Amino acid sequence: MPADITLYHILLANLVILAGSCLQGVAGYGIGTLAAPLLFLISPAFIPAPLTLNAGILTILMLMRNRTALQVREVRYAIGGGLAGAALAGGTLLVITAQGFELIFGTLILLAVILSVAGLKPRLNPRNSIIAGLASTYMGTITAVGGPPIAMIYQNEKGPMVRANLSAFFLFANVFVLATLIASGYLGVTELWLFVATMPGVFVGFWLSAGLVNRLPFEALRPIILGVAAAAGLAALIRGLINLN
C-alpha cells in the first residue's frame, strides 16, 4: 500500500466506487464518469488500474444480470474498435510523464463531459460502433472513463439491451485495457492492493442498484454527475499545468 494512502482515503474511495457502481447498475455505464475524476482528486494512485479492475468485476456482475438481452451482433464491431483503441493508448502511456498524465487525464475527462452533453445522436451501425469502441477504450485505458463514446450510439435503445451490450463491450475492453496497463507499467502490486481495498464498494453499489434500476431517475441525476466530472477534470487539468512549471 502506498505510504500516502490512509484508511481515510480508502473509505472515501469505497464510497465513490459504491456510488459509481450503483449508477452503472441502473444506467449501464457511469462508474468511470462519476468515480474516476473524484478518485483522482483523492489520490492519483487509484487511477487508472485499480478502478479499471473494479469496473471489470462490476461488468461481470451486470452481464450475468442482463445476459438474456445481449445482442452479440450489435456489439462485436465495437469490440474490434476497442482493440485498436487500447493499442493507441498503450503507446501514449509509454511516452508521457507524470505531469503529462495529469494534463491528458484532465483533458479527456472534459472531453467525456462534452460528448455527454453535445446532443449528438449517431446511429447504431458497424462504422459508428468501431469508432465508438476505439474512442471508448482509448479514453478508458488512460482515465478509466470509457462510457460516453460507446453510450452515445446506444442512447436510443431500450434499457435491458443497453445494459447487456455495454456490459459485453466493457468486459472485452477491460481485458484490452488491463493488458495495456501491464505492458506499460501502470499495473503492479500497489495497484492490486488498492483494487482489493476498494472492491467492497463495487459489491455494495451493485446490490443497491437492483432495487433502484426502475426507480432512480437517471436523467435527473445526469447534470449533477456531469457537473462533478467537469469540475474534477478541470481541477486535474489545472494541477497538471501548475506542475509543469
Protein backbone atom coordinates (compact mmCIF):
# COMPACT_ATOMS: atom_id res chain seq x y z
CA MET A 1 0.00 0.00 0.00
CA PRO A 2 1.43 3.46 -0.84
CA ALA A 3 2.66 5.34 2.23
CA ASP A 4 0.49 8.37 1.46
CA ILE A 5 -2.73 6.31 1.28
CA THR A 6 -4.51 6.22 4.63
CA LEU A 7 -7.65 4.48 5.88
CA TYR A 8 -9.46 7.77 5.28
CA HIS A 9 -8.51 7.65 1.59
CA ILE A 10 -9.67 4.03 1.34
CA LEU A 11 -13.04 4.81 2.91
CA LEU A 12 -13.59 7.78 0.62
CA ALA A 13 -12.60 5.73 -2.41
CA ASN A 14 -15.05 2.95 -1.45
CA LEU A 15 -17.89 5.48 -1.16
CA VAL A 16 -17.09 6.92 -4.56
CA ILE A 17 -16.89 3.48 -6.18
CA LEU A 18 -20.13 2.47 -4.44
CA ALA A 19 -21.92 5.45 -5.99
CA GLY A 20 -20.41 4.80 -9.41
CA SER A 21 -21.29 1.09 -9.29
CA CYS A 22 -24.87 1.85 -8.32
CA LEU A 23 -25.13 4.33 -11.19
CA GLN A 24 -23.77 1.84 -13.71
CA GLY A 25 -26.07 -0.87 -12.41
CA VAL A 26 -29.00 1.42 -13.20
CA ALA A 27 -27.91 3.09 -16.44
CA GLY A 28 -25.47 0.60 -17.99
CA TYR A 29 -22.48 2.90 -17.65
CA GLY A 30 -21.23 5.59 -15.30
CA ILE A 31 -18.73 4.16 -12.84
CA GLY A 32 -15.89 5.80 -14.72
CA THR A 33 -17.64 9.11 -15.42
CA LEU A 34 -18.56 9.60 -11.76
CA ALA A 35 -15.78 7.80 -9.90
CA ALA A 36 -12.61 8.42 -11.92
CA PRO A 37 -12.40 12.23 -11.52
CA LEU A 38 -13.20 12.03 -7.80
CA LEU A 39 -10.74 9.20 -7.19
CA PHE A 40 -8.05 11.20 -8.98
CA LEU A 41 -8.62 14.06 -6.53
CA ILE A 42 -8.49 11.65 -3.56
CA SER A 43 -5.22 10.19 -4.92
CA PRO A 44 -3.96 9.63 -8.47
CA ALA A 45 -2.87 6.16 -7.29
CA PHE A 46 -6.47 4.96 -7.70
CA ILE A 47 -6.37 5.74 -11.44
CA PRO A 48 -6.45 4.01 -13.87
CA ALA A 49 -5.65 0.40 -12.90
CA PRO A 50 -7.48 -0.05 -9.54
CA LEU A 51 -10.69 1.49 -10.89
CA THR A 52 -10.42 -0.49 -14.13
CA LEU A 53 -10.11 -3.73 -12.16
CA ASN A 54 -13.16 -2.82 -10.09
CA ALA A 55 -15.06 -1.91 -13.25
CA GLY A 56 -14.22 -5.36 -14.59
CA ILE A 57 -15.82 -7.03 -11.57
CA LEU A 58 -18.89 -4.83 -11.97
CA THR A 59 -19.09 -5.62 -15.68
CA ILE A 60 -19.19 -9.37 -15.00
CA LEU A 61 -21.94 -8.92 -12.40
CA MET A 62 -24.00 -6.79 -14.79
CA LEU A 63 -23.56 -9.15 -17.72
CA MET A 64 -24.82 -12.03 -15.58
CA ARG A 65 -27.86 -9.98 -14.56
CA ASN A 66 -28.73 -8.82 -18.11
CA ARG A 67 -27.44 -11.73 -20.21
CA THR A 68 -30.82 -12.60 -21.76
CA ALA A 69 -30.97 -9.20 -23.50
CA LEU A 70 -27.50 -9.45 -25.08
CA GLN A 71 -27.28 -8.95 -28.87
CA VAL A 72 -23.80 -10.12 -29.87
CA ARG A 73 -24.01 -8.97 -33.48
CA GLU A 74 -24.52 -5.36 -32.44
CA VAL A 75 -21.53 -5.23 -30.09
CA ARG A 76 -18.83 -7.16 -31.98
CA TYR A 77 -17.78 -4.16 -34.12
CA ALA A 78 -17.25 -2.02 -31.03
CA ILE A 79 -15.06 -4.75 -29.54
CA GLY A 80 -12.88 -4.70 -32.67
CA GLY A 81 -12.51 -0.93 -32.42
CA GLY A 82 -11.67 -1.32 -28.75
CA LEU A 83 -8.62 -3.43 -29.53
CA ALA A 84 -7.21 -0.62 -31.71
CA GLY A 85 -8.01 1.97 -29.04
CA ALA A 86 -6.11 0.03 -26.38
CA ALA A 87 -3.04 -0.20 -28.63
CA LEU A 88 -3.08 3.57 -29.23
CA ALA A 89 -3.49 4.26 -25.52
CA GLY A 90 -0.58 1.94 -24.71
CA GLY A 91 1.69 3.97 -26.97
CA THR A 92 0.53 7.16 -25.25
CA LEU A 93 1.23 5.82 -21.74
CA LEU A 94 4.73 4.73 -22.72
CA VAL A 95 5.81 8.25 -23.69
CA ILE A 96 4.03 10.60 -21.26
CA THR A 97 5.45 11.89 -17.97
CA ALA A 98 3.56 12.12 -14.67
CA GLN A 99 2.79 15.78 -15.41
CA GLY A 100 1.70 14.86 -18.90
CA PHE A 101 -0.60 12.21 -17.49
CA GLU A 102 -2.38 14.83 -15.36
CA LEU A 103 -2.86 17.05 -18.41
CA ILE A 104 -4.16 14.24 -20.61
CA PHE A 105 -6.37 12.94 -17.80
CA GLY A 106 -7.99 16.33 -17.24
CA THR A 107 -8.41 16.95 -20.96
CA LEU A 108 -10.02 13.56 -21.63
CA ILE A 109 -12.38 13.92 -18.65
CA LEU A 110 -13.58 17.26 -20.00
CA LEU A 111 -13.90 15.72 -23.48
CA ALA A 112 -16.05 12.94 -22.00
CA VAL A 113 -18.34 15.55 -20.43
CA ILE A 114 -18.57 17.46 -23.72
CA LEU A 115 -19.50 14.28 -25.60
CA SER A 116 -22.18 13.55 -22.99
CA VAL A 117 -23.87 16.95 -23.36
CA ALA A 118 -23.25 17.55 -27.08
CA GLY A 119 -26.63 16.15 -28.10
CA LEU A 120 -25.11 14.04 -30.87
CA LYS A 121 -27.19 11.00 -31.83
CA PRO A 122 -25.12 8.72 -34.07
CA ARG A 123 -26.87 5.64 -35.39
CA LEU A 124 -26.10 2.19 -34.08
CA ASN A 125 -24.26 0.73 -37.09
CA PRO A 126 -20.94 -1.06 -37.73
CA ARG A 127 -18.94 2.06 -38.65
CA ASN A 128 -20.08 4.09 -35.66
CA SER A 129 -19.62 1.09 -33.38
CA ILE A 130 -15.97 0.73 -34.44
CA ILE A 131 -15.28 4.44 -33.93
CA ALA A 132 -17.05 4.48 -30.57
CA GLY A 133 -15.24 1.34 -29.44
CA LEU A 134 -11.85 2.82 -30.37
CA ALA A 135 -12.54 6.13 -28.62
CA SER A 136 -14.05 4.46 -25.57
CA THR A 137 -11.14 2.09 -24.98
CA TYR A 138 -8.52 4.78 -25.63
CA MET A 139 -10.13 7.07 -23.07
CA GLY A 140 -10.83 4.19 -20.69
CA THR A 141 -7.22 2.99 -20.70
CA ILE A 142 -5.83 6.37 -19.68
CA THR A 143 -8.62 7.70 -17.45
CA ALA A 144 -10.90 4.70 -16.65
CA VAL A 145 -13.70 6.82 -18.22
CA GLY A 146 -14.72 4.99 -21.38
CA GLY A 147 -18.50 5.17 -21.15
CA PRO A 148 -19.53 8.34 -23.04
CA PRO A 149 -18.37 7.44 -26.59
CA ILE A 150 -19.92 3.96 -26.58
CA ALA A 151 -23.03 5.13 -24.72
CA MET A 152 -23.74 7.70 -27.45
CA ILE A 153 -24.59 5.04 -30.03
CA TYR A 154 -26.91 3.23 -27.61
CA GLN A 155 -28.81 6.26 -26.31
CA ASN A 156 -31.94 5.45 -28.35
CA GLU A 157 -32.05 1.75 -27.48
CA LYS A 158 -34.02 0.03 -24.72
CA GLY A 159 -32.66 -0.33 -21.17
CA PRO A 160 -32.07 -4.11 -20.86
CA MET A 161 -30.29 -4.35 -24.23
CA VAL A 162 -28.21 -1.27 -23.44
CA ARG A 163 -27.07 -2.68 -20.12
CA ALA A 164 -26.32 -6.10 -21.63
CA ASN A 165 -24.44 -4.87 -24.72
CA LEU A 166 -22.47 -2.22 -22.87
CA SER A 167 -21.51 -4.81 -20.27
CA ALA A 168 -20.31 -7.19 -23.00
CA PHE A 169 -18.27 -4.42 -24.63
CA PHE A 170 -16.78 -3.29 -21.31
CA LEU A 171 -15.85 -6.88 -20.46
CA PHE A 172 -13.69 -7.22 -23.58
CA ALA A 173 -12.48 -3.63 -23.31
CA ASN A 174 -11.30 -4.24 -19.75
CA VAL A 175 -9.23 -7.20 -20.91
CA PHE A 176 -7.61 -5.00 -23.59
CA VAL A 177 -7.10 -2.16 -21.12
CA LEU A 178 -5.56 -4.33 -18.38
CA ALA A 179 -3.17 -5.96 -20.85
CA THR A 180 -2.12 -2.49 -21.99
CA LEU A 181 -1.66 -1.22 -18.43
CA ILE A 182 0.52 -4.23 -17.54
CA ALA A 183 2.65 -3.78 -20.65
CA SER A 184 3.13 -0.06 -19.99
CA GLY A 185 3.95 -0.48 -16.30
CA TYR A 186 0.76 1.03 -14.88
CA LEU A 187 -0.44 -2.16 -13.16
CA GLY A 188 1.64 -3.73 -10.41
CA VAL A 189 1.44 -4.92 -6.80
CA THR A 190 0.48 -1.48 -5.45
CA GLU A 191 -2.44 -1.19 -7.83
CA LEU A 192 -3.62 -4.69 -6.94
CA TRP A 193 -3.64 -3.80 -3.23
CA LEU A 194 -5.69 -0.68 -3.92
CA PHE A 195 -8.10 -2.72 -6.04
CA VAL A 196 -8.67 -5.24 -3.24
CA ALA A 197 -9.11 -2.45 -0.69
CA THR A 198 -11.81 -0.75 -2.74
CA MET A 199 -13.62 -3.82 -4.08
CA PRO A 200 -16.33 -3.76 -1.34
CA GLY A 201 -17.72 -0.57 -2.87
CA VAL A 202 -18.46 -2.42 -6.11
CA PHE A 203 -20.49 -5.19 -4.49
CA VAL A 204 -22.48 -2.84 -2.26
CA GLY A 205 -23.20 -0.46 -5.13
CA PHE A 206 -24.27 -3.28 -7.45
CA TRP A 207 -26.53 -4.73 -4.76
CA LEU A 208 -28.17 -1.34 -4.21
CA SER A 209 -28.74 -0.86 -7.94
CA ALA A 210 -31.02 -3.93 -8.08
CA GLY A 211 -33.66 -2.09 -6.10
CA LEU A 212 -33.18 1.21 -7.94
CA VAL A 213 -32.96 0.12 -11.57
CA ASN A 214 -36.60 1.04 -12.30
CA ARG A 215 -36.87 3.85 -9.76
CA LEU A 216 -33.79 6.06 -9.97
CA PRO A 217 -34.33 9.00 -12.38
CA PHE A 218 -31.01 8.78 -14.21
CA GLU A 219 -31.77 11.76 -16.47
CA ALA A 220 -32.42 13.92 -13.43
CA LEU A 221 -29.09 12.92 -11.91
CA ARG A 222 -27.16 13.30 -15.17
CA PRO A 223 -26.44 17.06 -14.87
CA ILE A 224 -25.11 16.58 -11.33
CA ILE A 225 -22.87 13.69 -12.38
CA LEU A 226 -21.51 15.58 -15.38
CA GLY A 227 -21.00 18.70 -13.27
CA VAL A 228 -18.93 16.76 -10.75
CA ALA A 229 -16.90 15.16 -13.54
CA ALA A 230 -16.30 18.52 -15.24
CA ALA A 231 -15.17 20.21 -12.03
CA ALA A 232 -12.81 17.37 -11.14
CA GLY A 233 -11.46 17.17 -14.69
CA LEU A 234 -10.79 20.90 -14.71
CA ALA A 235 -9.02 20.61 -11.35
CA ALA A 236 -6.79 17.84 -12.71
CA LEU A 237 -6.00 19.90 -15.81
CA ILE A 238 -5.11 22.97 -13.72
CA ARG A 239 -2.93 20.86 -11.41
CA GLY A 240 -1.14 19.42 -14.41
CA LEU A 241 -0.47 22.89 -15.81
CA ILE A 242 0.85 24.11 -12.45
CA ASN A 243 3.16 21.11 -12.10
CA LEU A 244 4.70 21.82 -15.49
CA ASN A 245 6.35 24.92 -14.01
